[in-house]
Amino acid sequence: LQYVCQRYVFPSREDIGRRVAAIVDRRPPSSFFHTWNIQAGDILRPVTSHPARLGQALAVGDTPAQALSRAEQVVRDMAASIVLE
């Protein structure tokens, strides 16, 4: 039995209005699925709907806490992958 946790990537307030220069995508081993809703050239906007999130990650674990911890790490790694101008 494995547990699954989903978390989302949101822009920080200070990054709103900045342009995405690149995404240095690093897929961590604990993530079996992640997607981006942004690409190079996009301007980060406030999140007003589900599609406006920067991305999402799904992670698995042997316990709910492990799945949550892994999903949160994937989101941190994804956020760190965004290069802004």
PDB file of N, CA and C in Angstrom:
ATOM      1  N   LEU A   1       0.850  -1.185   0.000  1.00  0.00           N
ATOM      2  CA  LEU A   1       0.000   0.000   0.000  1.00  0.00           C
ATOM      3  C   LEU A   1       0.888   1.238   0.000  1.00  0.00           C
ATOM      4  N   GLN A   2       0.596   2.177  -0.903  1.00  0.00           N
ATOM      5  CA  GLN A   2       1.322   3.441  -0.932  1.00  0.00           C
ATOM      6  C   GLN A   2       0.323   4.588  -0.895  1.00  0.00           C
ATOM      7  N   TYR A   3       0.798   5.716  -0.394  1.00  0.00           N
ATOM      8  CA  TYR A   3      -0.020   6.918  -0.282  1.00  0.00           C
ATOM      9  C   TYR A   3       0.457   7.931  -1.313  1.00  0.00           C
ATOM     10  N   VAL A   4      -0.465   8.761  -1.775  1.00  0.00           N
ATOM     11  CA  VAL A   4      -0.159   9.767  -2.791  1.00  0.00           C
ATOM     12  C   VAL A   4      -0.520  11.135  -2.241  1.00  0.00           C
ATOM     13  N   CYS A   5       0.310  12.122  -2.553  1.00  0.00           N
ATOM     14  CA  CYS A   5       0.041  13.499  -2.140  1.00  0.00           C
ATOM     15  C   CYS A   5       0.276  14.420  -3.335  1.00  0.00           C
ATOM     16  N   GLN A   6      -0.614  15.378  -3.514  1.00  0.00           N
ATOM     17  CA  GLN A   6      -0.492  16.361  -4.592  1.00  0.00           C
ATOM     18  C   GLN A   6      -0.308  17.739  -3.982  1.00  0.00           C
ATOM     19  N   ARG A   7       0.623  18.498  -4.527  1.00  0.00           N
ATOM     20  CA  ARG A   7       0.867  19.873  -4.092  1.00  0.00           C
ATOM     21  C   ARG A   7       1.111  20.734  -5.336  1.00  0.00           C
ATOM     22  N   TYR A   8       0.990  22.044  -5.151  1.00  0.00           N
ATOM     23  CA  TYR A   8       1.053  22.984  -6.269  1.00  0.00           C
ATOM     24  C   TYR A   8       2.162  24.010  -6.068  1.00  0.00           C
ATOM     25  N   VAL A   9       2.653  24.517  -7.188  1.00  0.00           N
ATOM     26  CA  VAL A   9       3.681  25.568  -7.175  1.00  0.00           C
ATOM     27  C   VAL A   9       2.984  26.898  -7.411  1.00  0.00           C
ATOM     28  N   PHE A  10       3.188  27.836  -6.498  1.00  0.00           N
ATOM     29  CA  PHE A  10       2.610  29.173  -6.599  1.00  0.00           C
ATOM     30  C   PHE A  10       3.737  30.198  -6.665  1.00  0.00           C
ATOM     31  N   PRO A  11       3.522  31.321  -7.352  1.00  0.00           N
ATOM     32  CA  PRO A  11       4.552  32.365  -7.374  1.00  0.00           C
ATOM     33  C   PRO A  11       4.588  33.090  -6.025  1.00  0.00           C
ATOM     34  N   SER A  12       5.772  33.519  -5.635  1.00  0.00           N
ATOM     35  CA  SER A  12       5.864  34.347  -4.432  1.00  0.00           C
ATOM     36  C   SER A  12       5.408  35.759  -4.795  1.00  0.00           C
ATOM     37  N   ARG A  13       4.952  36.497  -3.815  1.00  0.00           N
ATOM     38  CA  ARG A  13       4.438  37.852  -4.073  1.00  0.00           C
ATOM     39  C   ARG A  13       5.470  38.739  -4.754  1.00  0.00           C
ATOM     40  N   GLU A  14       6.726  38.614  -4.330  1.00  0.00           N
ATOM     41  CA  GLU A  14       7.767  39.473  -4.915  1.00  0.00           C
ATOM     42  C   GLU A  14       8.104  39.105  -6.358  1.00  0.00           C
ATOM     43  N   ASP A  15       7.687  37.929  -6.812  1.00  0.00           N
ATOM     44  CA  ASP A  15       7.967  37.513  -8.190  1.00  0.00           C
ATOM     45  C   ASP A  15       6.854  37.864  -9.172  1.00  0.00           C
ATOM     46  N   ILE A  16       5.708  38.301  -8.679  1.00  0.00           N
ATOM     47  CA  ILE A  16       4.597  38.687  -9.558  1.00  0.00           C
ATOM     48  C   ILE A  16       5.074  39.817 -10.477  1.00  0.00           C
ATOM     49  N   GLY A  17       4.817  39.677 -11.765  1.00  0.00           N
ATOM     50  CA  GLY A  17       5.221  40.681 -12.739  1.00  0.00           C
ATOM     51  C   GLY A  17       6.569  40.412 -13.382  1.00  0.00           C
ATOM     52  N   ARG A  18       7.307  39.433 -12.873  1.00  0.00           N
ATOM     53  CA  ARG A  18       8.618  39.109 -13.455  1.00  0.00           C
ATOM     54  C   ARG A  18       8.447  38.098 -14.582  1.00  0.00           C
ATOM     55  N   ARG A  19       9.390  38.120 -15.516  1.00  0.00           N
ATOM     56  CA  ARG A  19       9.363  37.230 -16.685  1.00  0.00           C
ATOM     57  C   ARG A  19      10.177  35.964 -16.391  1.00  0.00           C
ATOM     58  N   VAL A  20       9.654  34.830 -16.853  1.00  0.00           N
ATOM     59  CA  VAL A  20      10.362  33.558 -16.737  1.00  0.00           C
ATOM     60  C   VAL A  20      11.418  33.508 -17.839  1.00  0.00           C
ATOM     61  N   ALA A  21      12.693  33.414 -17.444  1.00  0.00           N
ATOM     62  CA  ALA A  21      13.781  33.315 -18.418  1.00  0.00           C
ATOM     63  C   ALA A  21      13.967  31.860 -18.858  1.00  0.00           C
ATOM     64  N   ALA A  22      13.836  30.947 -17.908  1.00  0.00           N
ATOM     65  CA  ALA A  22      14.028  29.521 -18.214  1.00  0.00           C
ATOM     66  C   ALA A  22      13.501  28.686 -17.047  1.00  0.00           C
ATOM     67  N   ILE A  23      13.303  27.418 -17.330  1.00  0.00           N
ATOM     68  CA  ILE A  23      12.983  26.445 -16.290  1.00  0.00           C
ATOM     69  C   ILE A  23      14.021  25.339 -16.387  1.00  0.00           C
ATOM     70  N   VAL A  24      14.810  25.200 -15.352  1.00  0.00           N
ATOM     71  CA  VAL A  24      15.830  24.164 -15.288  1.00  0.00           C
ATOM     72  C   VAL A  24      15.183  22.985 -14.568  1.00  0.00           C
ATOM     73  N   ASP A  25      14.448  22.187 -15.311  1.00  0.00           N
ATOM     74  CA  ASP A  25      13.597  21.137 -14.743  1.00  0.00           C
ATOM     75  C   ASP A  25      14.434  19.973 -14.228  1.00  0.00           C
ATOM     76  N   ARG A  26      14.324  19.717 -12.930  1.00  0.00           N
ATOM     77  CA  ARG A  26      15.003  18.576 -12.312  1.00  0.00           C
ATOM     78  C   ARG A  26      13.933  17.687 -11.688  1.00  0.00           C
ATOM     79  N   ARG A  27      13.756  16.515 -12.192  1.00  0.00           N
ATOM     80  CA  ARG A  27      12.722  15.612 -11.676  1.00  0.00           C
ATOM     81  C   ARG A  27      13.307  14.803 -10.524  1.00  0.00           C
ATOM     82  N   PRO A  28      12.841  15.051  -9.313  1.00  0.00           N
ATOM     83  CA  PRO A  28      13.338  14.274  -8.176  1.00  0.00           C
ATOM     84  C   PRO A  28      12.789  12.849  -8.193  1.00  0.00           C
ATOM     85  N   PRO A  29      13.517  11.905  -7.618  1.00  0.00           N
ATOM     86  CA  PRO A  29      13.082  10.511  -7.661  1.00  0.00           C
ATOM     87  C   PRO A  29      11.774  10.247  -6.920  1.00  0.00           C
ATOM     88  N   SER A  30      11.421  11.080  -5.944  1.00  0.00           N
ATOM     89  CA  SER A  30      10.195  10.831  -5.186  1.00  0.00           C
ATOM     90  C   SER A  30       8.949  11.274  -5.956  1.00  0.00           C
ATOM     91  N   SER A  31       9.139  11.966  -7.061  1.00  0.00           N
ATOM     92  CA  SER A  31       7.993  12.435  -7.848  1.00  0.00           C
ATOM     93  C   SER A  31       7.759  11.480  -9.000  1.00  0.00           C
ATOM     94  N   PHE A  32       6.532  10.983  -9.090  1.00  0.00           N
ATOM     95  CA  PHE A  32       6.268  10.147 -10.250  1.00  0.00           C
ATOM     96  C   PHE A  32       5.520  10.924 -11.307  1.00  0.00           C
ATOM     97  N   PHE A  33       5.149  12.164 -10.991  1.00  0.00           N
ATOM     98  CA  PHE A  33       4.446  12.985 -11.975  1.00  0.00           C
ATOM     99  C   PHE A  33       4.555  14.449 -11.580  1.00  0.00           C
ATOM    100  N   HIS A  34       4.907  15.290 -12.529  1.00  0.00           N
ATOM    101  CA  HIS A  34       4.826  16.733 -12.303  1.00  0.00           C
ATOM    102  C   HIS A  34       4.621  17.432 -13.641  1.00  0.00           C
ATOM    103  N   THR A  35       3.952  18.565 -13.587  1.00  0.00           N
ATOM    104  CA  THR A  35       3.692  19.330 -14.803  1.00  0.00           C
ATOM    105  C   THR A  35       3.937  20.803 -14.530  1.00  0.00           C
ATOM    106  N   TRP A  36       4.224  21.506 -15.601  1.00  0.00           N
ATOM    107  CA  TRP A  36       4.396  22.955 -15.558  1.00  0.00           C
ATOM    108  C   TRP A  36       3.242  23.611 -16.302  1.00  0.00           C
ATOM    109  N   ASN A  37       2.782  24.734 -15.792  1.00  0.00           N
ATOM    110  CA  ASN A  37       1.781  25.549 -16.485  1.00  0.00           C
ATOM    111  C   ASN A  37       2.404  26.829 -17.025  1.00  0.00           C
ATOM    112  N   ILE A  38       3.722  26.936 -16.926  1.00  0.00           N
ATOM    113  CA  ILE A  38       4.440  28.113 -17.420  1.00  0.00           C
ATOM    114  C   ILE A  38       5.556  27.655 -18.348  1.00  0.00           C
ATOM    115  N   GLN A  39       6.088  28.627 -19.087  1.00  0.00           N
ATOM    116  CA  GLN A  39       7.245  28.370 -19.942  1.00  0.00           C
ATOM    117  C   GLN A  39       8.054  29.642 -20.056  1.00  0.00           C
ATOM    118  N   ALA A  40       9.246  29.522 -20.610  1.00  0.00           N
ATOM    119  CA  ALA A  40      10.110  30.688 -20.794  1.00  0.00           C
ATOM    120  C   ALA A  40       9.364  31.759 -21.571  1.00  0.00           C
ATOM    121  N   GLY A  41       9.473  32.991 -21.107  1.00  0.00           N
ATOM    122  CA  GLY A  41       8.820  34.121 -21.748  1.00  0.00           C
ATOM    123  C   GLY A  41       7.542  34.556 -21.056  1.00  0.00           C
ATOM    124  N   ASP A  42       6.958  33.680 -20.229  1.00  0.00           N
ATOM    125  CA  ASP A  42       5.735  34.032 -19.509  1.00  0.00           C
ATOM    126  C   ASP A  42       6.017  35.072 -18.424  1.00  0.00           C
ATOM    127  N   ILE A  43       5.040  35.903 -18.157  1.00  0.00           N
ATOM    128  CA  ILE A  43       5.080  36.846 -17.046  1.00  0.00           C
ATOM    129  C   ILE A  43       4.284  36.225 -15.904  1.00  0.00           C
ATOM    130  N   LEU A  44       4.874  36.192 -14.706  1.00  0.00           N
ATOM    131  CA  LEU A  44       4.162  35.620 -13.570  1.00  0.00           C
ATOM    132  C   LEU A  44       3.051  36.557 -13.129  1.00  0.00           C
ATOM    133  N   ARG A  45       1.872  36.013 -13.021  1.00  0.00           N
ATOM    134  CA  ARG A  45       0.666  36.755 -12.635  1.00  0.00           C
ATOM    135  C   ARG A  45       0.134  36.201 -11.316  1.00  0.00           C
ATOM    136  N   PRO A  46      -0.709  36.960 -10.623  1.00  0.00           N
ATOM    137  CA  PRO A  46      -1.351  36.410  -9.428  1.00  0.00           C
ATOM    138  C   PRO A  46      -2.214  35.201  -9.806  1.00  0.00           C
ATOM    139  N   VAL A  47      -2.285  34.249  -8.917  1.00  0.00           N
ATOM    140  CA  VAL A  47      -3.080  33.052  -9.169  1.00  0.00           C
ATOM    141  C   VAL A  47      -4.541  33.353  -8.839  1.00  0.00           C
ATOM    142  N   THR A  48      -5.373  33.286  -9.869  1.00  0.00           N
ATOM    143  CA  THR A  48      -6.798  33.571  -9.706  1.00  0.00           C
ATOM    144  C   THR A  48      -7.671  32.374 -10.062  1.00  0.00           C
ATOM    145  N   SER A  49      -7.040  31.293 -10.559  1.00  0.00           N
ATOM    146  CA  SER A  49      -7.774  30.088 -10.924  1.00  0.00           C
ATOM    147  C   SER A  49      -6.808  28.906 -10.905  1.00  0.00           C
ATOM    148  N   HIS A  50      -7.345  27.707 -10.960  1.00  0.00           N
ATOM    149  CA  HIS A  50      -6.503  26.515 -10.931  1.00  0.00           C
ATOM    150  C   HIS A  50      -5.452  26.496 -12.046  1.00  0.00           C
ATOM    151  N   PRO A  51      -5.797  26.826 -13.298  1.00  0.00           N
ATOM    152  CA  PRO A  51      -4.780  26.793 -14.352  1.00  0.00           C
ATOM    153  C   PRO A  51      -3.685  27.850 -14.190  1.00  0.00           C
ATOM    154  N   ALA A  52      -3.897  28.824 -13.338  1.00  0.00           N
ATOM    155  CA  ALA A  52      -2.908  29.891 -13.161  1.00  0.00           C
ATOM    156  C   ALA A  52      -1.759  29.491 -12.229  1.00  0.00           C
ATOM    157  N   ARG A  53      -1.864  28.343 -11.581  1.00  0.00           N
ATOM    158  CA  ARG A  53      -0.750  27.871 -10.752  1.00  0.00           C
ATOM    159  C   ARG A  53       0.441  27.598 -11.661  1.00  0.00           C
ATOM    160  N   LEU A  54       1.639  27.704 -11.115  1.00  0.00           N
ATOM    161  CA  LEU A  54       2.835  27.518 -11.929  1.00  0.00           C
ATOM    162  C   LEU A  54       3.053  26.059 -12.310  1.00  0.00           C
ATOM    163  N   GLY A  55       2.622  25.144 -11.462  1.00  0.00           N
ATOM    164  CA  GLY A  55       2.799  23.730 -11.743  1.00  0.00           C
ATOM    165  C   GLY A  55       2.230  22.891 -10.625  1.00  0.00           C
ATOM    166  N   GLN A  56       2.355  21.578 -10.791  1.00  0.00           N
ATOM    167  CA  GLN A  56       1.868  20.653  -9.775  1.00  0.00           C
ATOM    168  C   GLN A  56       2.807  19.467  -9.683  1.00  0.00           C
ATOM    169  N   ALA A  57       2.763  18.813  -8.527  1.00  0.00           N
ATOM    170  CA  ALA A  57       3.582  17.625  -8.297  1.00  0.00           C
ATOM    171  C   ALA A  57       2.780  16.585  -7.542  1.00  0.00           C
ATOM    172  N   LEU A  58       2.999  15.328  -7.888  1.00  0.00           N
ATOM    173  CA  LEU A  58       2.445  14.193  -7.169  1.00  0.00           C
ATOM    174  C   LEU A  58       3.617  13.359  -6.665  1.00  0.00           C
ATOM    175  N   ALA A  59       3.543  12.951  -5.400  1.00  0.00           N
ATOM    176  CA  ALA A  59       4.592  12.114  -4.830  1.00  0.00           C
ATOM    177  C   ALA A  59       3.956  10.965  -4.074  1.00  0.00           C
ATOM    178  N   VAL A  60       4.689   9.875  -3.958  1.00  0.00           N
ATOM    179  CA  VAL A  60       4.202   8.699  -3.235  1.00  0.00           C
ATOM    180  C   VAL A  60       5.074   8.449  -2.021  1.00  0.00           C
ATOM    181  N   GLY A  61       4.505   7.736  -1.053  1.00  0.00           N
ATOM    182  CA  GLY A  61       5.251   7.374   0.144  1.00  0.00           C
ATOM    183  C   GLY A  61       4.612   6.187   0.828  1.00  0.00           C
ATOM    184  N   ASP A  62       5.341   5.612   1.743  1.00  0.00           N
ATOM    185  CA  ASP A  62       4.836   4.470   2.498  1.00  0.00           C
ATOM    186  C   ASP A  62       3.839   4.890   3.572  1.00  0.00           C
ATOM    187  N   THR A  63       3.873   6.178   3.949  1.00  0.00           N
ATOM    188  CA  THR A  63       2.932   6.733   4.927  1.00  0.00           C
ATOM    189  C   THR A  63       2.401   8.047   4.369  1.00  0.00           C
ATOM    190  N   PRO A  64       1.275   8.518   4.883  1.00  0.00           N
ATOM    191  CA  PRO A  64       0.789   9.834   4.436  1.00  0.00           C
ATOM    192  C   PRO A  64       1.820  10.937   4.693  1.00  0.00           C
ATOM    193  N   ALA A  65       2.491  10.894   5.826  1.00  0.00           N
ATOM    194  CA  ALA A  65       3.486  11.921   6.162  1.00  0.00           C
ATOM    195  C   ALA A  65       4.663  11.885   5.190  1.00  0.00           C
ATOM    196  N   GLN A  66       5.089  10.705   4.800  1.00  0.00           N
ATOM    197  CA  GLN A  66       6.204  10.595   3.852  1.00  0.00           C
ATOM    198  C   GLN A  66       5.799  11.131   2.478  1.00  0.00           C
ATOM    199  N   ALA A  67       4.595  10.802   2.027  1.00  0.00           N
ATOM    200  CA  ALA A  67       4.121  11.310   0.742  1.00  0.00           C
ATOM    201  C   ALA A  67       4.029  12.832   0.777  1.00  0.00           C
ATOM    202  N   LEU A  68       3.514  13.390   1.857  1.00  0.00           N
ATOM    203  CA  LEU A  68       3.424  14.845   2.008  1.00  0.00           C
ATOM    204  C   LEU A  68       4.802  15.482   1.994  1.00  0.00           C
ATOM    205  N   SER A  69       5.721  14.930   2.755  1.00  0.00           N
ATOM    206  CA  SER A  69       7.080  15.477   2.809  1.00  0.00           C
ATOM    207  C   SER A  69       7.737  15.458   1.434  1.00  0.00           C
ATOM    208  N   ARG A  70       7.571  14.374   0.722  1.00  0.00           N
ATOM    209  CA  ARG A  70       8.160  14.270  -0.619  1.00  0.00           C
ATOM    210  C   ARG A  70       7.515  15.259  -1.590  1.00  0.00           C
ATOM    211  N   ALA A  71       6.197  15.384  -1.525  1.00  0.00           N
ATOM    212  CA  ALA A  71       5.502  16.324  -2.418  1.00  0.00           C
ATOM    213  C   ALA A  71       5.942  17.751  -2.141  1.00  0.00           C
ATOM    214  N   GLU A  72       6.083  18.098  -0.876  1.00  0.00           N
ATOM    215  CA  GLU A  72       6.536  19.449  -0.529  1.00  0.00           C
ATOM    216  C   GLU A  72       7.961  19.689  -1.011  1.00  0.00           C
ATOM    217  N   GLN A  73       8.818  18.664  -0.947  1.00  0.00           N
ATOM    218  CA  GLN A  73      10.189  18.803  -1.453  1.00  0.00           C
ATOM    219  C   GLN A  73      10.187  18.983  -2.966  1.00  0.00           C
ATOM    220  N   VAL A  74       9.343  18.240  -3.661  1.00  0.00           N
ATOM    221  CA  VAL A  74       9.240  18.376  -5.116  1.00  0.00           C
ATOM    222  C   VAL A  74       8.829  19.798  -5.475  1.00  0.00           C
ATOM    223  N   VAL A  75       7.859  20.360  -4.755  1.00  0.00           N
ATOM    224  CA  VAL A  75       7.411  21.728  -5.021  1.00  0.00           C
ATOM    225  C   VAL A  75       8.546  22.721  -4.776  1.00  0.00           C
ATOM    226  N   ARG A  76       9.307  22.536  -3.700  1.00  0.00           N
ATOM    227  CA  ARG A  76      10.456  23.424  -3.446  1.00  0.00           C
ATOM    228  C   ARG A  76      11.476  23.314  -4.575  1.00  0.00           C
ATOM    229  N   ASP A  77      11.741  22.090  -5.023  1.00  0.00           N
ATOM    230  CA  ASP A  77      12.692  21.887  -6.123  1.00  0.00           C
ATOM    231  C   ASP A  77      12.183  22.519  -7.416  1.00  0.00           C
ATOM    232  N   MET A  78      10.890  22.380  -7.675  1.00  0.00           N
ATOM    233  CA  MET A  78      10.315  22.979  -8.877  1.00  0.00           C
ATOM    234  C   MET A  78      10.427  24.502  -8.808  1.00  0.00           C
ATOM    235  N   ALA A  79      10.085  25.089  -7.675  1.00  0.00           N
ATOM    236  CA  ALA A  79      10.156  26.549  -7.526  1.00  0.00           C
ATOM    237  C   ALA A  79      11.591  27.027  -7.728  1.00  0.00           C
ATOM    238  N   ALA A  80      12.555  26.270  -7.221  1.00  0.00           N
ATOM    239  CA  ALA A  80      13.970  26.636  -7.391  1.00  0.00           C
ATOM    240  C   ALA A  80      14.430  26.487  -8.838  1.00  0.00           C
ATOM    241  N   SER A  81      13.692  25.734  -9.642  1.00  0.00           N
ATOM    242  CA  SER A  81      14.043  25.518 -11.057  1.00  0.00           C
ATOM    243  C   SER A  81      13.660  26.676 -11.955  1.00  0.00           C
ATOM    244  N   ILE A  82      12.854  27.604 -11.432  1.00  0.00           N
ATOM    245  CA  ILE A  82      12.376  28.725 -12.239  1.00  0.00           C
ATOM    246  C   ILE A  82      13.412  29.840 -12.213  1.00  0.00           C
ATOM    247  N   VAL A  83      13.923  30.191 -13.384  1.00  0.00           N
ATOM    248  CA  VAL A  83      14.888  31.286 -13.508  1.00  0.00           C
ATOM    249  C   VAL A  83      14.126  32.508 -13.996  1.00  0.00           C
ATOM    250  N   LEU A  84      14.185  33.587 -13.218  1.00  0.00           N
ATOM    251  CA  LEU A  84      13.460  34.814 -13.575  1.00  0.00           C
ATOM    252  C   LEU A  84      14.420  35.890 -14.052  1.00  0.00           C
ATOM    253  N   GLU A  85      13.914  36.745 -14.944  1.00  0.00           N
ATOM    254  CA  GLU A  85      14.723  37.882 -15.418  1.00  0.00           C
ATOM    255  C   GLU A  85      14.630  39.004 -14.400  1.00  0.00           C
TER     256      GLU A  85
END
